[in-house]
PDB file of N, CA and C in Angstrom:
ATOM      1  N   MET A   1     -21.901  -3.653  27.248  1.00  0.00           N
ATOM      2  CA  MET A   1     -21.393  -3.751  25.892  1.00  0.00           C
ATOM      3  C   MET A   1     -22.067  -4.907  25.144  1.00  0.00           C
ATOM      4  N   ARG A   2     -22.317  -5.969  25.865  1.00  0.00           N
ATOM      5  CA  ARG A   2     -22.922  -7.135  25.219  1.00  0.00           C
ATOM      6  C   ARG A   2     -24.286  -6.793  24.642  1.00  0.00           C
ATOM      7  N   VAL A   3     -25.104  -6.102  25.412  1.00  0.00           N
ATOM      8  CA  VAL A   3     -26.455  -5.745  24.970  1.00  0.00           C
ATOM      9  C   VAL A   3     -26.378  -4.792  23.777  1.00  0.00           C
ATOM     10  N   GLN A   4     -25.465  -3.817  23.858  1.00  0.00           N
ATOM     11  CA  GLN A   4     -25.325  -2.863  22.761  1.00  0.00           C
ATOM     12  C   GLN A   4     -24.872  -3.566  21.484  1.00  0.00           C
ATOM     13  N   ALA A   5     -23.950  -4.513  21.620  1.00  0.00           N
ATOM     14  CA  ALA A   5     -23.483  -5.261  20.455  1.00  0.00           C
ATOM     15  C   ALA A   5     -24.615  -6.091  19.867  1.00  0.00           C
ATOM     16  N   ASP A   6     -25.429  -6.684  20.731  1.00  0.00           N
ATOM     17  CA  ASP A   6     -26.565  -7.468  20.250  1.00  0.00           C
ATOM     18  C   ASP A   6     -27.578  -6.586  19.521  1.00  0.00           C
ATOM     19  N   VAL A   7     -27.851  -5.406  20.059  1.00  0.00           N
ATOM     20  CA  VAL A   7     -28.807  -4.492  19.436  1.00  0.00           C
ATOM     21  C   VAL A   7     -28.313  -4.054  18.059  1.00  0.00           C
ATOM     22  N   LEU A   8     -27.020  -3.789  17.956  1.00  0.00           N
ATOM     23  CA  LEU A   8     -26.444  -3.341  16.687  1.00  0.00           C
ATOM     24  C   LEU A   8     -26.096  -4.489  15.743  1.00  0.00           C
ATOM     25  N   SER A   9     -26.254  -5.715  16.204  1.00  0.00           N
ATOM     26  CA  SER A   9     -25.890  -6.915  15.435  1.00  0.00           C
ATOM     27  C   SER A   9     -24.416  -6.873  15.017  1.00  0.00           C
ATOM     28  N   VAL A  10     -23.569  -6.524  15.985  1.00  0.00           N
ATOM     29  CA  VAL A  10     -22.135  -6.427  15.758  1.00  0.00           C
ATOM     30  C   VAL A  10     -21.432  -7.383  16.719  1.00  0.00           C
ATOM     31  N   ASN A  11     -20.387  -8.041  16.236  1.00  0.00           N
ATOM     32  CA  ASN A  11     -19.605  -8.893  17.124  1.00  0.00           C
ATOM     33  C   ASN A  11     -18.892  -8.045  18.166  1.00  0.00           C
ATOM     34  N   ARG A  12     -18.811  -8.545  19.389  1.00  0.00           N
ATOM     35  CA  ARG A  12     -18.146  -7.785  20.446  1.00  0.00           C
ATOM     36  C   ARG A  12     -16.664  -7.598  20.165  1.00  0.00           C
ATOM     37  N   SER A  13     -16.062  -8.525  19.456  1.00  0.00           N
ATOM     38  CA  SER A  13     -14.623  -8.407  19.173  1.00  0.00           C
ATOM     39  C   SER A  13     -14.325  -7.174  18.328  1.00  0.00           C
ATOM     40  N   THR A  14     -15.277  -6.769  17.471  1.00  0.00           N
ATOM     41  CA  THR A  14     -15.043  -5.571  16.657  1.00  0.00           C
ATOM     42  C   THR A  14     -15.101  -4.297  17.495  1.00  0.00           C
ATOM     43  N   ILE A  15     -15.826  -4.333  18.603  1.00  0.00           N
ATOM     44  CA  ILE A  15     -15.920  -3.170  19.478  1.00  0.00           C
ATOM     45  C   ILE A  15     -14.589  -2.941  20.190  1.00  0.00           C
ATOM     46  N   TYR A  16     -13.938  -4.012  20.609  1.00  0.00           N
ATOM     47  CA  TYR A  16     -12.701  -3.906  21.372  1.00  0.00           C
ATOM     48  C   TYR A  16     -11.453  -3.836  20.502  1.00  0.00           C
ATOM     49  N   TYR A  17     -11.580  -4.032  19.203  1.00  0.00           N
ATOM     50  CA  TYR A  17     -10.421  -4.075  18.311  1.00  0.00           C
ATOM     51  C   TYR A  17      -9.722  -2.718  18.255  1.00  0.00           C
ATOM     52  N   GLN A  18      -8.419  -2.723  18.457  1.00  0.00           N
ATOM     53  CA  GLN A  18      -7.595  -1.520  18.369  1.00  0.00           C
ATOM     54  C   GLN A  18      -6.588  -1.732  17.232  1.00  0.00           C
ATOM     55  N   PRO A  19      -6.738  -1.035  16.102  1.00  0.00           N
ATOM     56  CA  PRO A  19      -5.796  -1.238  15.002  1.00  0.00           C
ATOM     57  C   PRO A  19      -4.380  -0.824  15.404  1.00  0.00           C
ATOM     58  N   GLN A  20      -3.403  -1.592  14.926  1.00  0.00           N
ATOM     59  CA  GLN A  20      -2.005  -1.317  15.228  1.00  0.00           C
ATOM     60  C   GLN A  20      -1.443  -0.317  14.226  1.00  0.00           C
ATOM     61  N   PRO A  21      -0.644   0.629  14.685  1.00  0.00           N
ATOM     62  CA  PRO A  21      -0.009   1.551  13.735  1.00  0.00           C
ATOM     63  C   PRO A  21       1.038   0.798  12.920  1.00  0.00           C
ATOM     64  N   PRO A  22       1.362   1.298  11.724  1.00  0.00           N
ATOM     65  CA  PRO A  22       2.368   0.612  10.904  1.00  0.00           C
ATOM     66  C   PRO A  22       3.733   0.636  11.591  1.00  0.00           C
ATOM     67  N   SER A  23       4.508  -0.406  11.356  1.00  0.00           N
ATOM     68  CA  SER A  23       5.838  -0.490  11.952  1.00  0.00           C
ATOM     69  C   SER A  23       6.770   0.522  11.292  1.00  0.00           C
ATOM     70  N   ARG A  24       7.888   0.810  11.948  1.00  0.00           N
ATOM     71  CA  ARG A  24       8.875   1.742  11.390  1.00  0.00           C
ATOM     72  C   ARG A  24       9.407   1.226  10.059  1.00  0.00           C
ATOM     73  N   GLU A  25       9.590  -0.091   9.988  1.00  0.00           N
ATOM     74  CA  GLU A  25      10.106  -0.707   8.756  1.00  0.00           C
ATOM     75  C   GLU A  25       9.133  -0.482   7.598  1.00  0.00           C
ATOM     76  N   GLU A  26       7.837  -0.648   7.867  1.00  0.00           N
ATOM     77  CA  GLU A  26       6.828  -0.441   6.827  1.00  0.00           C
ATOM     78  C   GLU A  26       6.798   1.023   6.379  1.00  0.00           C
ATOM     79  N   VAL A  27       6.935   1.938   7.318  1.00  0.00           N
ATOM     80  CA  VAL A  27       6.948   3.362   6.980  1.00  0.00           C
ATOM     81  C   VAL A  27       8.172   3.682   6.123  1.00  0.00           C
ATOM     82  N   ARG A  28       9.342   3.134   6.501  1.00  0.00           N
ATOM     83  CA  ARG A  28      10.561   3.348   5.712  1.00  0.00           C
ATOM     84  C   ARG A  28      10.397   2.802   4.299  1.00  0.00           C
ATOM     85  N   LEU A  29       9.776   1.612   4.191  1.00  0.00           N
ATOM     86  CA  LEU A  29       9.558   1.000   2.887  1.00  0.00           C
ATOM     87  C   LEU A  29       8.633   1.865   2.031  1.00  0.00           C
ATOM     88  N   LYS A  30       7.557   2.363   2.619  1.00  0.00           N
ATOM     89  CA  LYS A  30       6.627   3.207   1.863  1.00  0.00           C
ATOM     90  C   LYS A  30       7.289   4.512   1.424  1.00  0.00           C
ATOM     91  N   HIS A  31       8.149   5.063   2.268  1.00  0.00           N
ATOM     92  CA  HIS A  31       8.881   6.268   1.869  1.00  0.00           C
ATOM     93  C   HIS A  31       9.792   5.971   0.683  1.00  0.00           C
ATOM     94  N   ARG A  32      10.447   4.819   0.708  1.00  0.00           N
ATOM     95  CA  ARG A  32      11.344   4.454  -0.396  1.00  0.00           C
ATOM     96  C   ARG A  32      10.537   4.209  -1.669  1.00  0.00           C
ATOM     97  N   ILE A  33       9.384   3.560  -1.555  1.00  0.00           N
ATOM     98  CA  ILE A  33       8.514   3.352  -2.723  1.00  0.00           C
ATOM     99  C   ILE A  33       8.124   4.707  -3.304  1.00  0.00           C
ATOM    100  N   ASP A  34       7.774   5.646  -2.443  1.00  0.00           N
ATOM    101  CA  ASP A  34       7.389   6.975  -2.892  1.00  0.00           C
ATOM    102  C   ASP A  34       8.551   7.675  -3.593  1.00  0.00           C
ATOM    103  N   GLU A  35       9.769   7.536  -3.071  1.00  0.00           N
ATOM    104  CA  GLU A  35      10.942   8.142  -3.707  1.00  0.00           C
ATOM    105  C   GLU A  35      11.153   7.577  -5.109  1.00  0.00           C
ATOM    106  N   ILE A  36      11.069   6.252  -5.222  1.00  0.00           N
ATOM    107  CA  ILE A  36      11.264   5.603  -6.527  1.00  0.00           C
ATOM    108  C   ILE A  36      10.171   6.050  -7.488  1.00  0.00           C
ATOM    109  N   TYR A  37       8.940   6.070  -7.021  1.00  0.00           N
ATOM    110  CA  TYR A  37       7.814   6.458  -7.877  1.00  0.00           C
ATOM    111  C   TYR A  37       7.930   7.919  -8.317  1.00  0.00           C
ATOM    112  N   THR A  38       8.411   8.784  -7.419  1.00  0.00           N
ATOM    113  CA  THR A  38       8.571  10.197  -7.762  1.00  0.00           C
ATOM    114  C   THR A  38       9.615  10.375  -8.862  1.00  0.00           C
ATOM    115  N   GLN A  39      10.692   9.584  -8.791  1.00  0.00           N
ATOM    116  CA  GLN A  39      11.740   9.661  -9.812  1.00  0.00           C
ATOM    117  C   GLN A  39      11.278   9.067 -11.135  1.00  0.00           C
ATOM    118  N   CYS A  40      10.532   7.983 -11.068  1.00  0.00           N
ATOM    119  CA  CYS A  40      10.095   7.259 -12.277  1.00  0.00           C
ATOM    120  C   CYS A  40       8.621   6.894 -12.143  1.00  0.00           C
ATOM    121  N   PRO A  41       7.691   7.809 -12.445  1.00  0.00           N
ATOM    122  CA  PRO A  41       6.264   7.531 -12.255  1.00  0.00           C
ATOM    123  C   PRO A  41       5.703   6.460 -13.185  1.00  0.00           C
ATOM    124  N   PHE A  42       6.485   6.071 -14.181  1.00  0.00           N
ATOM    125  CA  PHE A  42       6.027   5.032 -15.096  1.00  0.00           C
ATOM    126  C   PHE A  42       6.375   3.633 -14.584  1.00  0.00           C
ATOM    127  N   TYR A  43       7.087   3.527 -13.464  1.00  0.00           N
ATOM    128  CA  TYR A  43       7.395   2.221 -12.877  1.00  0.00           C
ATOM    129  C   TYR A  43       6.143   1.643 -12.225  1.00  0.00           C
ATOM    130  N   GLY A  44       5.908   0.373 -12.480  1.00  0.00           N
ATOM    131  CA  GLY A  44       4.838  -0.346 -11.813  1.00  0.00           C
ATOM    132  C   GLY A  44       5.400  -1.140 -10.650  1.00  0.00           C
ATOM    133  N   SER A  45       4.599  -2.035 -10.111  1.00  0.00           N
ATOM    134  CA  SER A  45       5.033  -2.798  -8.936  1.00  0.00           C
ATOM    135  C   SER A  45       6.223  -3.703  -9.247  1.00  0.00           C
ATOM    136  N   ARG A  46       6.287  -4.255 -10.452  1.00  0.00           N
ATOM    137  CA  ARG A  46       7.397  -5.147 -10.802  1.00  0.00           C
ATOM    138  C   ARG A  46       8.727  -4.399 -10.814  1.00  0.00           C
ATOM    139  N   LYS A  47       8.730  -3.252 -11.443  1.00  0.00           N
ATOM    140  CA  LYS A  47       9.968  -2.476 -11.569  1.00  0.00           C
ATOM    141  C   LYS A  47      10.377  -1.889 -10.217  1.00  0.00           C
ATOM    142  N   ILE A  48       9.411  -1.449  -9.427  1.00  0.00           N
ATOM    143  CA  ILE A  48       9.719  -0.918  -8.098  1.00  0.00           C
ATOM    144  C   ILE A  48      10.267  -2.027  -7.214  1.00  0.00           C
ATOM    145  N   THR A  49       9.685  -3.219  -7.303  1.00  0.00           N
ATOM    146  CA  THR A  49      10.195  -4.352  -6.545  1.00  0.00           C
ATOM    147  C   THR A  49      11.633  -4.665  -6.940  1.00  0.00           C
ATOM    148  N   GLU A  50      11.900  -4.644  -8.225  1.00  0.00           N
ATOM    149  CA  GLU A  50      13.251  -4.897  -8.721  1.00  0.00           C
ATOM    150  C   GLU A  50      14.232  -3.855  -8.181  1.00  0.00           C
ATOM    151  N   GLN A  51      13.835  -2.588  -8.193  1.00  0.00           N
ATOM    152  CA  GLN A  51      14.704  -1.524  -7.692  1.00  0.00           C
ATOM    153  C   GLN A  51      14.952  -1.678  -6.191  1.00  0.00           C
ATOM    154  N   LEU A  52      13.905  -2.024  -5.439  1.00  0.00           N
ATOM    155  CA  LEU A  52      14.059  -2.220  -3.999  1.00  0.00           C
ATOM    156  C   LEU A  52      15.004  -3.384  -3.701  1.00  0.00           C
ATOM    157  N   ARG A  53      14.906  -4.438  -4.471  1.00  0.00           N
ATOM    158  CA  ARG A  53      15.814  -5.578  -4.277  1.00  0.00           C
ATOM    159  C   ARG A  53      17.253  -5.184  -4.568  1.00  0.00           C
ATOM    160  N   LEU A  54      17.465  -4.343  -5.590  1.00  0.00           N
ATOM    161  CA  LEU A  54      18.812  -3.847  -5.885  1.00  0.00           C
ATOM    162  C   LEU A  54      19.336  -2.983  -4.732  1.00  0.00           C
ATOM    163  N   ASP A  55      18.424  -2.310  -4.033  1.00  0.00           N
ATOM    164  CA  ASP A  55      18.794  -1.489  -2.882  1.00  0.00           C
ATOM    165  C   ASP A  55      19.014  -2.311  -1.614  1.00  0.00           C
ATOM    166  N   GLY A  56      18.739  -3.618  -1.694  1.00  0.00           N
ATOM    167  CA  GLY A  56      18.978  -4.486  -0.538  1.00  0.00           C
ATOM    168  C   GLY A  56      17.748  -4.836   0.279  1.00  0.00           C
ATOM    169  N   TRP A  57      16.587  -4.440  -0.160  1.00  0.00           N
ATOM    170  CA  TRP A  57      15.348  -4.788   0.546  1.00  0.00           C
ATOM    171  C   TRP A  57      14.938  -6.206   0.164  1.00  0.00           C
ATOM    172  N   LEU A  58      14.448  -6.955   1.127  1.00  0.00           N
ATOM    173  CA  LEU A  58      13.910  -8.290   0.871  1.00  0.00           C
ATOM    174  C   LEU A  58      12.391  -8.127   0.804  1.00  0.00           C
ATOM    175  N   VAL A  59      11.866  -7.994  -0.415  1.00  0.00           N
ATOM    176  CA  VAL A  59      10.449  -7.668  -0.594  1.00  0.00           C
ATOM    177  C   VAL A  59       9.775  -8.620  -1.568  1.00  0.00           C
ATOM    178  N   ASN A  60       8.466  -8.645  -1.479  1.00  0.00           N
ATOM    179  CA  ASN A  60       7.603  -9.475  -2.292  1.00  0.00           C
ATOM    180  C   ASN A  60       6.785  -8.528  -3.191  1.00  0.00           C
ATOM    181  N   ARG A  61       6.613  -8.864  -4.456  1.00  0.00           N
ATOM    182  CA  ARG A  61       5.899  -7.986  -5.380  1.00  0.00           C
ATOM    183  C   ARG A  61       4.462  -7.729  -4.947  1.00  0.00           C
ATOM    184  N   LYS A  62       3.799  -8.739  -4.421  1.00  0.00           N
ATOM    185  CA  LYS A  62       2.406  -8.541  -4.004  1.00  0.00           C
ATOM    186  C   LYS A  62       2.312  -7.581  -2.819  1.00  0.00           C
ATOM    187  N   ALA A  63       3.307  -7.598  -1.946  1.00  0.00           N
ATOM    188  CA  ALA A  63       3.326  -6.639  -0.834  1.00  0.00           C
ATOM    189  C   ALA A  63       3.515  -5.229  -1.371  1.00  0.00           C
ATOM    190  N   ILE A  64       4.379  -5.089  -2.386  1.00  0.00           N
ATOM    191  CA  ILE A  64       4.595  -3.779  -2.992  1.00  0.00           C
ATOM    192  C   ILE A  64       3.311  -3.309  -3.671  1.00  0.00           C
ATOM    193  N   GLN A  65       2.605  -4.217  -4.337  1.00  0.00           N
ATOM    194  CA  GLN A  65       1.314  -3.859  -4.949  1.00  0.00           C
ATOM    195  C   GLN A  65       0.348  -3.355  -3.882  1.00  0.00           C
ATOM    196  N   ARG A  66       0.291  -4.033  -2.748  1.00  0.00           N
ATOM    197  CA  ARG A  66      -0.617  -3.638  -1.667  1.00  0.00           C
ATOM    198  C   ARG A  66      -0.242  -2.258  -1.133  1.00  0.00           C
ATOM    199  N   HIS A  67       1.057  -2.026  -0.910  1.00  0.00           N
ATOM    200  CA  HIS A  67       1.494  -0.721  -0.416  1.00  0.00           C
ATOM    201  C   HIS A  67       1.169   0.376  -1.427  1.00  0.00           C
ATOM    202  N   MET A  68       1.402   0.105  -2.697  1.00  0.00           N
ATOM    203  CA  MET A  68       1.101   1.105  -3.727  1.00  0.00           C
ATOM    204  C   MET A  68      -0.398   1.397  -3.761  1.00  0.00           C
ATOM    205  N   ARG A  69      -1.210   0.373  -3.628  1.00  0.00           N
ATOM    206  CA  ARG A  69      -2.670   0.554  -3.623  1.00  0.00           C
ATOM    207  C   ARG A  69      -3.084   1.388  -2.402  1.00  0.00           C
ATOM    208  N   GLU A  70      -2.493   1.094  -1.223  1.00  0.00           N
ATOM    209  CA  GLU A  70      -2.795   1.861  -0.020  1.00  0.00           C
ATOM    210  C   GLU A  70      -2.383   3.321  -0.175  1.00  0.00           C
ATOM    211  N   MET A  71      -1.279   3.552  -0.891  1.00  0.00           N
ATOM    212  CA  MET A  71      -0.763   4.905  -1.078  1.00  0.00           C
ATOM    213  C   MET A  71      -1.475   5.620  -2.229  1.00  0.00           C
ATOM    214  N   GLY A  72      -2.256   4.889  -3.008  1.00  0.00           N
ATOM    215  CA  GLY A  72      -2.995   5.483  -4.110  1.00  0.00           C
ATOM    216  C   GLY A  72      -2.133   5.817  -5.309  1.00  0.00           C
ATOM    217  N   ILE A  73      -1.072   5.033  -5.532  1.00  0.00           N
ATOM    218  CA  ILE A  73      -0.205   5.276  -6.683  1.00  0.00           C
ATOM    219  C   ILE A  73      -0.208   4.068  -7.604  1.00  0.00           C
ATOM    220  N   GLU A  74      -0.031   4.343  -8.887  1.00  0.00           N
ATOM    221  CA  GLU A  74       0.104   3.275  -9.876  1.00  0.00           C
ATOM    222  C   GLU A  74       0.951   3.800 -11.019  1.00  0.00           C
ATOM    223  N   GLY A  75       1.620   2.885 -11.680  1.00  0.00           N
ATOM    224  CA  GLY A  75       2.495   3.275 -12.772  1.00  0.00           C
ATOM    225  C   GLY A  75       1.710   3.887 -13.925  1.00  0.00           C
ATOM    226  N   ILE A  76       2.285   4.905 -14.537  1.00  0.00           N
ATOM    227  CA  ILE A  76       1.654   5.558 -15.686  1.00  0.00           C
ATOM    228  C   ILE A  76       1.979   4.733 -16.926  1.00  0.00           C
ATOM    229  N   SER A  77       0.965   4.402 -17.692  1.00  0.00           N
ATOM    230  CA  SER A  77       1.176   3.648 -18.920  1.00  0.00           C
ATOM    231  C   SER A  77       0.469   4.367 -20.069  1.00  0.00           C
ATOM    232  N   PRO A  78       0.877   4.082 -21.302  1.00  0.00           N
ATOM    233  CA  PRO A  78       0.215   4.735 -22.449  1.00  0.00           C
ATOM    234  C   PRO A  78      -1.296   4.462 -22.469  1.00  0.00           C
ATOM    235  N   ASP A  79      -1.712   3.286 -21.986  1.00  0.00           N
ATOM    236  CA  ASP A  79      -3.142   2.953 -21.980  1.00  0.00           C
ATOM    237  C   ASP A  79      -3.916   3.828 -20.997  1.00  0.00           C
ATOM    238  N   ALA A  80      -3.256   4.262 -19.933  1.00  0.00           N
ATOM    239  CA  ALA A  80      -3.943   5.044 -18.888  1.00  0.00           C
ATOM    240  C   ALA A  80      -3.979   6.529 -19.202  1.00  0.00           C
ATOM    241  N   MET A  81      -3.238   6.961 -20.215  1.00  0.00           N
ATOM    242  CA  MET A  81      -3.189   8.386 -20.528  1.00  0.00           C
ATOM    243  C   MET A  81      -4.403   8.789 -21.350  1.00  0.00           C
ATOM    244  N   PRO A  82      -5.003   9.947 -21.034  1.00  0.00           N
ATOM    245  CA  PRO A  82      -6.181  10.393 -21.790  1.00  0.00           C
ATOM    246  C   PRO A  82      -5.794  10.830 -23.201  1.00  0.00           C
ATOM    247  N   ILE A  83      -6.719  10.687 -24.099  1.00  0.00           N
ATOM    248  CA  ILE A  83      -6.506  11.122 -25.475  1.00  0.00           C
ATOM    249  C   ILE A  83      -6.972  12.563 -25.597  1.00  0.00           C
ATOM    250  N   VAL A  84      -6.070  13.440 -26.024  1.00  0.00           N
ATOM    251  CA  VAL A  84      -6.385  14.851 -26.176  1.00  0.00           C
ATOM    252  C   VAL A  84      -6.529  15.145 -27.658  1.00  0.00           C
ATOM    253  N   VAL A  85      -7.665  15.698 -28.042  1.00  0.00           N
ATOM    254  CA  VAL A  85      -7.922  15.984 -29.447  1.00  0.00           C
ATOM    255  C   VAL A  85      -7.884  17.466 -29.696  1.00  0.00           C
TER     256      VAL A  85
END
C-alpha cells in the first residue's frame, strides 16, 4: 500500500479512511427539516431553525444550513423566481 500511495501521490490515511454513516439523530433531524420544508418551501434556514426549536430540538442555524445544503434544498424567495414574460 505504501508504494501504491507514493506512486499516486496520495496520503496513506486517505486509503484507509472509512466514512461513518449518519447517526439516527441526524437522519431524524433531516427528515424533520424535509417535513417543514415540504409544508413551507419559502422557509429558509432561520425560519426552519426557529420551527425546530419550537418543536424542542436543540439546533444551531449553521448546522441547519449545512443539512439543507447537503439535501439540496433552499428557501424560495421572490428574487430566486424566474421572470415569465
